[in-house]
Amino acid sequence: MRAALSTTWVILFALPIIAIVVIVAFALYHSSEVRKDDRDDWTDADDR
């Protein structure tokens, strides 16, 4: 009984918190200047 109750608390609270942390971390990574890493995705014609 006690183990099932602990598992329920983990599912209800820990997993959503972990998901929020992962989403925020991905958003911060995505908004950082990762595009300025000297990899050119654009051709010269696209810059004009």
C-alpha atoms as a PDB file:
ATOM      1  CA  MET A   1       0.000   0.000   0.000  1.00  0.00           C
ATOM      2  CA  ARG A   2       2.766   2.397   0.965  1.00  0.00           C
ATOM      3  CA  ALA A   3       4.735   1.786  -2.242  1.00  0.00           C
ATOM      4  CA  ALA A   4       1.655   2.348  -4.386  1.00  0.00           C
ATOM      5  CA  LEU A   5       0.993   5.625  -2.596  1.00  0.00           C
ATOM      6  CA  SER A   6       4.578   6.775  -3.146  1.00  0.00           C
ATOM      7  CA  THR A   7       4.378   5.866  -6.828  1.00  0.00           C
ATOM      8  CA  THR A   8       1.179   7.875  -7.141  1.00  0.00           C
ATOM      9  CA  TRP A   9       2.822  10.952  -5.621  1.00  0.00           C
ATOM     10  CA  VAL A  10       5.802  10.604  -7.950  1.00  0.00           C
ATOM     11  CA  ILE A  11       3.547  10.380 -10.987  1.00  0.00           C
ATOM     12  CA  LEU A  12       1.311  13.249  -9.911  1.00  0.00           C
ATOM     13  CA  PHE A  13       3.999  15.700  -8.824  1.00  0.00           C
ATOM     14  CA  ALA A  14       7.556  14.759  -9.777  1.00  0.00           C
ATOM     15  CA  LEU A  15       6.960  13.938 -13.435  1.00  0.00           C
ATOM     16  CA  PRO A  16       5.144  17.211 -14.253  1.00  0.00           C
ATOM     17  CA  ILE A  17       7.868  19.182 -12.446  1.00  0.00           C
ATOM     18  CA  ILE A  18      10.544  17.358 -14.447  1.00  0.00           C
ATOM     19  CA  ALA A  19       8.604  18.025 -17.653  1.00  0.00           C
ATOM     20  CA  ILE A  20       8.380  21.754 -16.840  1.00  0.00           C
ATOM     21  CA  VAL A  21      12.124  21.912 -16.125  1.00  0.00           C
ATOM     22  CA  VAL A  22      12.896  20.171 -19.426  1.00  0.00           C
ATOM     23  CA  ILE A  23      10.590  22.523 -21.360  1.00  0.00           C
ATOM     24  CA  VAL A  24      12.125  25.620 -19.747  1.00  0.00           C
ATOM     25  CA  ALA A  25      15.647  24.332 -20.369  1.00  0.00           C
ATOM     26  CA  PHE A  26      14.832  23.658 -24.019  1.00  0.00           C
ATOM     27  CA  ALA A  27      13.277  27.116 -24.382  1.00  0.00           C
ATOM     28  CA  LEU A  28      16.366  28.764 -22.891  1.00  0.00           C
ATOM     29  CA  TYR A  29      18.617  26.740 -25.187  1.00  0.00           C
ATOM     30  CA  HIS A  30      16.467  27.570 -28.190  1.00  0.00           C
ATOM     31  CA  SER A  31      16.466  31.293 -27.397  1.00  0.00           C
ATOM     32  CA  SER A  32      20.227  31.398 -26.884  1.00  0.00           C
ATOM     33  CA  GLU A  33      22.592  32.307 -29.675  1.00  0.00           C
ATOM     34  CA  VAL A  34      23.063  28.770 -30.937  1.00  0.00           C
ATOM     35  CA  ARG A  35      22.609  30.010 -34.504  1.00  0.00           C
ATOM     36  CA  LYS A  36      25.895  31.902 -34.291  1.00  0.00           C
ATOM     37  CA  ASP A  37      28.058  28.798 -34.222  1.00  0.00           C
ATOM     38  CA  ASP A  38      29.701  29.341 -37.624  1.00  0.00           C
ATOM     39  CA  ARG A  39      27.466  26.816 -39.340  1.00  0.00           C
ATOM     40  CA  ASP A  40      25.934  28.375 -42.422  1.00  0.00           C
ATOM     41  CA  ASP A  41      22.420  27.163 -43.137  1.00  0.00           C
ATOM     42  CA  TRP A  42      21.813  30.026 -45.563  1.00  0.00           C
ATOM     43  CA  THR A  43      23.189  30.330 -49.040  1.00  0.00           C
ATOM     44  CA  ASP A  44      24.491  33.641 -50.358  1.00  0.00           C
ATOM     45  CA  ALA A  45      21.359  34.032 -52.494  1.00  0.00           C
ATOM     46  CA  ASP A  46      19.125  33.845 -49.403  1.00  0.00           C
ATOM     47  CA  ASP A  47      20.900  36.774 -47.746  1.00  0.00           C
ATOM     48  CA  ARG A  48      19.938  39.220 -50.490  1.00  0.00           C
END
